[in-house]
C-alpha atoms as a PDB file:
ATOM      1  CA  MET A   1      20.554  25.866  10.040  1.00  0.00           C
ATOM      2  CA  PRO A   2      20.806  23.670  13.077  1.00  0.00           C
ATOM      3  CA  ALA A   3      22.008  20.373  12.645  1.00  0.00           C
ATOM      4  CA  TYR A   4      19.936  17.274  12.561  1.00  0.00           C
ATOM      5  CA  TYR A   5      20.177  14.511  14.646  1.00  0.00           C
ATOM      6  CA  PRO A   6      17.738  11.162  14.212  1.00  0.00           C
ATOM      7  CA  PRO A   7      15.670  11.092  17.810  1.00  0.00           C
ATOM      8  CA  ALA A   8      16.443   8.146  20.233  1.00  0.00           C
ATOM      9  CA  SER A   9      14.537   5.162  19.787  1.00  0.00           C
ATOM     10  CA  PHE A  10      14.299   4.658  23.540  1.00  0.00           C
ATOM     11  CA  HIS A  11      11.629   6.955  24.706  1.00  0.00           C
ATOM     12  CA  PHE A  12       7.815   6.144  23.424  1.00  0.00           C
ATOM     13  CA  LYS A  13       4.231   5.475  24.462  1.00  0.00           C
ATOM     14  CA  VAL A  14       1.947   3.315  23.755  1.00  0.00           C
ATOM     15  CA  GLU A  15      -2.148   4.509  24.026  1.00  0.00           C
ATOM     16  CA  PHE A  16      -5.076   2.296  23.729  1.00  0.00           C
ATOM     17  CA  LEU A  17      -7.734   4.128  22.125  1.00  0.00           C
ATOM     18  CA  GLY A  18     -11.271   3.082  22.901  1.00  0.00           C
ATOM     19  CA  VAL A  19     -10.329   1.004  25.473  1.00  0.00           C
ATOM     20  CA  SER A  20     -12.323   1.775  28.465  1.00  0.00           C
ATOM     21  CA  GLY A  21     -10.298   2.181  32.392  1.00  0.00           C
ATOM     22  CA  MET A  22      -6.729   3.449  31.104  1.00  0.00           C
ATOM     23  CA  SER A  23      -5.367   5.519  33.824  1.00  0.00           C
ATOM     24  CA  GLY A  24      -2.154   7.486  34.410  1.00  0.00           C
ATOM     25  CA  ASP A  25       1.348   7.262  32.871  1.00  0.00           C
ATOM     26  CA  THR A  26       1.915   3.619  33.767  1.00  0.00           C
ATOM     27  CA  GLU A  27      -0.298   1.678  31.332  1.00  0.00           C
ATOM     28  CA  GLN A  28       1.051   3.397  28.411  1.00  0.00           C
ATOM     29  CA  ARG A  29       4.653   2.498  29.115  1.00  0.00           C
ATOM     30  CA  PHE A  30       6.590  -0.686  27.595  1.00  0.00           C
ATOM     31  CA  GLN A  31       9.595  -1.340  26.957  1.00  0.00           C
ATOM     32  CA  GLU A  32       9.857  -2.663  23.568  1.00  0.00           C
ATOM     33  CA  VAL A  33       7.715  -2.433  19.954  1.00  0.00           C
ATOM     34  CA  SER A  34       7.925  -4.277  17.110  1.00  0.00           C
ATOM     35  CA  GLY A  35       6.698  -5.222  13.985  1.00  0.00           C
ATOM     36  CA  LEU A  36       5.755  -1.663  12.531  1.00  0.00           C
ATOM     37  CA  SER A  37       6.536  -2.345   9.145  1.00  0.00           C
ATOM     38  CA  VAL A  38       4.851  -3.071   5.815  1.00  0.00           C
ATOM     39  CA  GLU A  39       5.744  -4.750   2.785  1.00  0.00           C
ATOM     40  CA  VAL A  40       4.058  -4.777  -0.577  1.00  0.00           C
ATOM     41  CA  GLU A  41       2.894  -8.571  -1.823  1.00  0.00           C
ATOM     42  CA  THR A  42       3.854  -9.168  -5.744  1.00  0.00           C
ATOM     43  CA  GLU A  43       2.420 -11.145  -8.169  1.00  0.00           C
ATOM     44  CA  GLU A  44       4.930 -11.776 -11.407  1.00  0.00           C
ATOM     45  CA  LEU A  45       3.701 -11.826 -14.926  1.00  0.00           C
ATOM     46  CA  ARG A  46       5.527 -13.432 -17.657  1.00  0.00           C
ATOM     47  CA  GLU A  47       5.183 -11.730 -21.120  1.00  0.00           C
ATOM     48  CA  GLY A  48       5.529 -14.608 -24.269  1.00  0.00           C
ATOM     49  CA  GLY A  49       8.522 -13.412 -26.033  1.00  0.00           C
ATOM     50  CA  GLU A  50      10.064 -11.728 -23.462  1.00  0.00           C
ATOM     51  CA  ASN A  51      12.604 -13.319 -22.055  1.00  0.00           C
ATOM     52  CA  ARG A  52      14.981 -10.158 -20.364  1.00  0.00           C
ATOM     53  CA  PHE A  53      12.866  -9.785 -17.195  1.00  0.00           C
ATOM     54  CA  VAL A  54       9.365 -10.693 -15.438  1.00  0.00           C
ATOM     55  CA  TYR A  55       7.154  -8.062 -14.203  1.00  0.00           C
ATOM     56  CA  LYS A  56       6.629  -7.605 -11.319  1.00  0.00           C
ATOM     57  CA  LEU A  57       2.689  -6.734 -10.401  1.00  0.00           C
ATOM     58  CA  PRO A  58       1.921  -4.837  -6.759  1.00  0.00           C
ATOM     59  CA  LYS A  59      -1.065  -6.617  -4.869  1.00  0.00           C
ATOM     60  CA  ARG A  60      -1.980  -5.498  -1.509  1.00  0.00           C
ATOM     61  CA  ALA A  61      -0.174  -4.441   1.703  1.00  0.00           C
ATOM     62  CA  LYS A  62       1.148  -7.145   3.910  1.00  0.00           C
ATOM     63  CA  TYR A  63       1.367  -5.944   7.740  1.00  0.00           C
ATOM     64  CA  PRO A  64       2.776  -8.042  10.759  1.00  0.00           C
ATOM     65  CA  ASN A  65       2.050  -8.560  14.028  1.00  0.00           C
ATOM     66  CA  LEU A  66       2.143  -5.792  16.318  1.00  0.00           C
ATOM     67  CA  VAL A  67       4.114  -6.717  19.597  1.00  0.00           C
ATOM     68  CA  LEU A  68       4.284  -5.186  22.711  1.00  0.00           C
ATOM     69  CA  LYS A  69       6.568  -5.685  25.778  1.00  0.00           C
ATOM     70  CA  ARG A  70       6.338  -4.636  29.342  1.00  0.00           C
ATOM     71  CA  GLY A  71       7.387  -5.245  32.692  1.00  0.00           C
ATOM     72  CA  LEU A  72       3.965  -7.169  34.461  1.00  0.00           C
ATOM     73  CA  LEU A  73       1.512  -5.014  35.832  1.00  0.00           C
ATOM     74  CA  THR A  74      -2.217  -6.899  37.467  1.00  0.00           C
ATOM     75  CA  ASN A  75      -5.408  -5.394  37.011  1.00  0.00           C
ATOM     76  CA  THR A  76      -4.767  -3.080  34.182  1.00  0.00           C
ATOM     77  CA  ALA A  77      -7.436  -1.644  31.067  1.00  0.00           C
ATOM     78  CA  ILE A  78      -5.294  -3.318  28.851  1.00  0.00           C
ATOM     79  CA  LEU A  79      -5.270  -6.878  30.574  1.00  0.00           C
ATOM     80  CA  GLY A  80      -9.096  -6.445  30.964  1.00  0.00           C
ATOM     81  CA  TRP A  81      -9.673  -5.608  26.667  1.00  0.00           C
ATOM     82  CA  ILE A  82      -7.520  -8.554  26.336  1.00  0.00           C
ATOM     83  CA  LYS A  83      -9.375 -11.167  28.860  1.00  0.00           C
ATOM     84  CA  SER A  84     -12.752  -9.444  26.867  1.00  0.00           C
ATOM     85  CA  ALA A  85     -11.445 -10.599  23.519  1.00  0.00           C
ATOM     86  CA  MET A  86     -10.368 -13.745  24.678  1.00  0.00           C
ATOM     87  CA  THR A  87     -13.913 -14.615  25.594  1.00  0.00           C
ATOM     88  CA  SER A  88     -15.785 -13.477  22.850  1.00  0.00           C
ATOM     89  CA  TYR A  89     -13.681 -14.897  20.604  1.00  0.00           C
ATOM     90  CA  PHE A  90     -15.073 -18.071  21.372  1.00  0.00           C
ATOM     91  CA  LEU A  91     -18.840 -16.884  22.212  1.00  0.00           C
ATOM     92  CA  ALA A  92     -21.738 -17.532  19.943  1.00  0.00           C
ATOM     93  CA  SER A  93     -23.702 -14.406  20.578  1.00  0.00           C
ATOM     94  CA  PRO A  94     -24.748 -12.228  17.465  1.00  0.00           C
ATOM     95  CA  ILE A  95     -24.095  -9.140  19.735  1.00  0.00           C
ATOM     96  CA  PRO A  96     -20.497  -8.670  19.679  1.00  0.00           C
ATOM     97  CA  ARG A  97     -19.245  -7.898  23.350  1.00  0.00           C
ATOM     98  CA  PHE A  98     -15.296  -7.194  22.157  1.00  0.00           C
ATOM     99  CA  VAL A  99     -14.482  -3.798  20.217  1.00  0.00           C
ATOM    100  CA  PRO A 100     -11.279  -3.839  18.481  1.00  0.00           C
ATOM    101  CA  ALA A 101      -8.585  -0.585  19.324  1.00  0.00           C
ATOM    102  CA  ASP A 102      -6.733   1.985  17.819  1.00  0.00           C
ATOM    103  CA  ILE A 103      -3.151   2.333  18.867  1.00  0.00           C
ATOM    104  CA  LEU A 104      -1.020   5.507  18.841  1.00  0.00           C
ATOM    105  CA  ILE A 105       2.963   4.283  19.176  1.00  0.00           C
ATOM    106  CA  THR A 106       4.649   7.942  19.789  1.00  0.00           C
ATOM    107  CA  LEU A 107       8.340   8.534  20.051  1.00  0.00           C
ATOM    108  CA  MET A 108       8.995  11.345  21.925  1.00  0.00           C
ATOM    109  CA  ASP A 109      11.906  13.882  22.655  1.00  0.00           C
ATOM    110  CA  GLU A 110      14.087  14.682  25.742  1.00  0.00           C
ATOM    111  CA  THR A 111      11.199  17.208  26.546  1.00  0.00           C
ATOM    112  CA  GLU A 112       8.463  14.390  26.171  1.00  0.00           C
ATOM    113  CA  ASN A 113       7.315  15.981  23.085  1.00  0.00           C
ATOM    114  CA  GLY A 114       6.179  14.195  19.858  1.00  0.00           C
ATOM    115  CA  VAL A 115       9.109  13.770  17.057  1.00  0.00           C
ATOM    116  CA  ALA A 116       6.906  10.722  15.627  1.00  0.00           C
ATOM    117  CA  ALA A 117       3.494   9.433  15.459  1.00  0.00           C
ATOM    118  CA  TRP A 118       2.021   5.682  14.262  1.00  0.00           C
ATOM    119  CA  LYS A 119      -1.822   5.304  14.394  1.00  0.00           C
ATOM    120  CA  VAL A 120      -2.360   1.452  14.193  1.00  0.00           C
ATOM    121  CA  TYR A 121      -5.996   0.400  12.835  1.00  0.00           C
ATOM    122  CA  GLN A 122      -8.590  -2.032  14.398  1.00  0.00           C
ATOM    123  CA  ALA A 123      -5.779  -3.951  16.623  1.00  0.00           C
ATOM    124  CA  TYR A 124      -6.948  -7.203  18.300  1.00  0.00           C
ATOM    125  CA  PRO A 125      -4.703  -9.590  20.843  1.00  0.00           C
ATOM    126  CA  LEU A 126      -3.905 -12.729  19.065  1.00  0.00           C
ATOM    127  CA  LYS A 127      -1.690 -13.964  22.067  1.00  0.00           C
ATOM    128  CA  TRP A 128      -0.386 -12.824  25.578  1.00  0.00           C
ATOM    129  CA  SER A 129       2.647 -14.428  27.426  1.00  0.00           C
ATOM    130  CA  SER A 130       4.625 -14.050  30.062  1.00  0.00           C
ATOM    131  CA  SER A 131       8.872 -14.426  30.513  1.00  0.00           C
ATOM    132  CA  ASP A 132       9.895 -17.667  32.168  1.00  0.00           C
ATOM    133  CA  PHE A 133      10.555 -18.178  36.258  1.00  0.00           C
ATOM    134  CA  ARG A 134      13.667 -19.133  37.305  1.00  0.00           C
ATOM    135  CA  ALA A 135      14.444 -19.113  40.702  1.00  0.00           C
ATOM    136  CA  SER A 136      18.384 -18.826  39.618  1.00  0.00           C
ATOM    137  CA  ASP A 137      17.605 -15.439  37.914  1.00  0.00           C
ATOM    138  CA  ASN A 138      17.438 -12.031  39.469  1.00  0.00           C
ATOM    139  CA  SER A 139      15.203 -10.305  36.464  1.00  0.00           C
ATOM    140  CA  ILE A 140      11.661  -8.872  36.245  1.00  0.00           C
ATOM    141  CA  VAL A 141       8.844 -10.821  34.544  1.00  0.00           C
ATOM    142  CA  ILE A 142       7.896  -9.473  31.183  1.00  0.00           C
ATOM    143  CA  GLU A 143       4.442  -9.475  29.760  1.00  0.00           C
ATOM    144  CA  THR A 144       3.992 -10.240  25.874  1.00  0.00           C
ATOM    145  CA  ILE A 145       0.874  -8.882  24.201  1.00  0.00           C
ATOM    146  CA  GLU A 146       1.095  -9.799  19.837  1.00  0.00           C
ATOM    147  CA  LEU A 147      -1.595  -7.526  18.544  1.00  0.00           C
ATOM    148  CA  ALA A 148      -2.624  -7.965  14.591  1.00  0.00           C
ATOM    149  CA  TYR A 149      -4.003  -5.047  12.816  1.00  0.00           C
ATOM    150  CA  GLN A 150      -5.095  -3.619   9.603  1.00  0.00           C
ATOM    151  CA  TYR A 151      -3.045  -1.478   8.710  1.00  0.00           C
ATOM    152  CA  PHE A 152      -1.657   1.785  10.414  1.00  0.00           C
ATOM    153  CA  GLU A 153      -0.237   5.462   9.583  1.00  0.00           C
ATOM    154  CA  ARG A 154       2.620   8.246  10.192  1.00  0.00           C
ATOM    155  CA  THR A 155       0.707  10.659  11.753  1.00  0.00           C
ATOM    156  CA  LEU A 156       3.648  12.740  12.972  1.00  0.00           C
END
């Protein structure tokens, strides 16, 4: 039986499913993904007469925001999707113009095959920001996209 080695975390892609205009490989490449975690909230229940412990009962799952970072790209489908969301949030229109997107995050091996994948459901943007501009610094501009979502599942 061959030895198992855990996959490296630096080779991955991020796909925005249902966002129209996504073209090619460039929009799928991010340098960092964080926020793929789940925590179960609990409620403490103290039973009368039992002083040795407190019951902890599960309530619901809690998901942090998903944060994506990459080098700044211009005129991308993701940026158009974010702009659509930001304008739709504040319009008093009975017809919703913005549709949340599912996101597929795939961890890949050296041959571009997926070794693990997570599907994030109903993501919508909360924040877009860029890194600071400094004349004395020789670095690229990084854009950060922060998304809220309902939940995620491991699919691979």
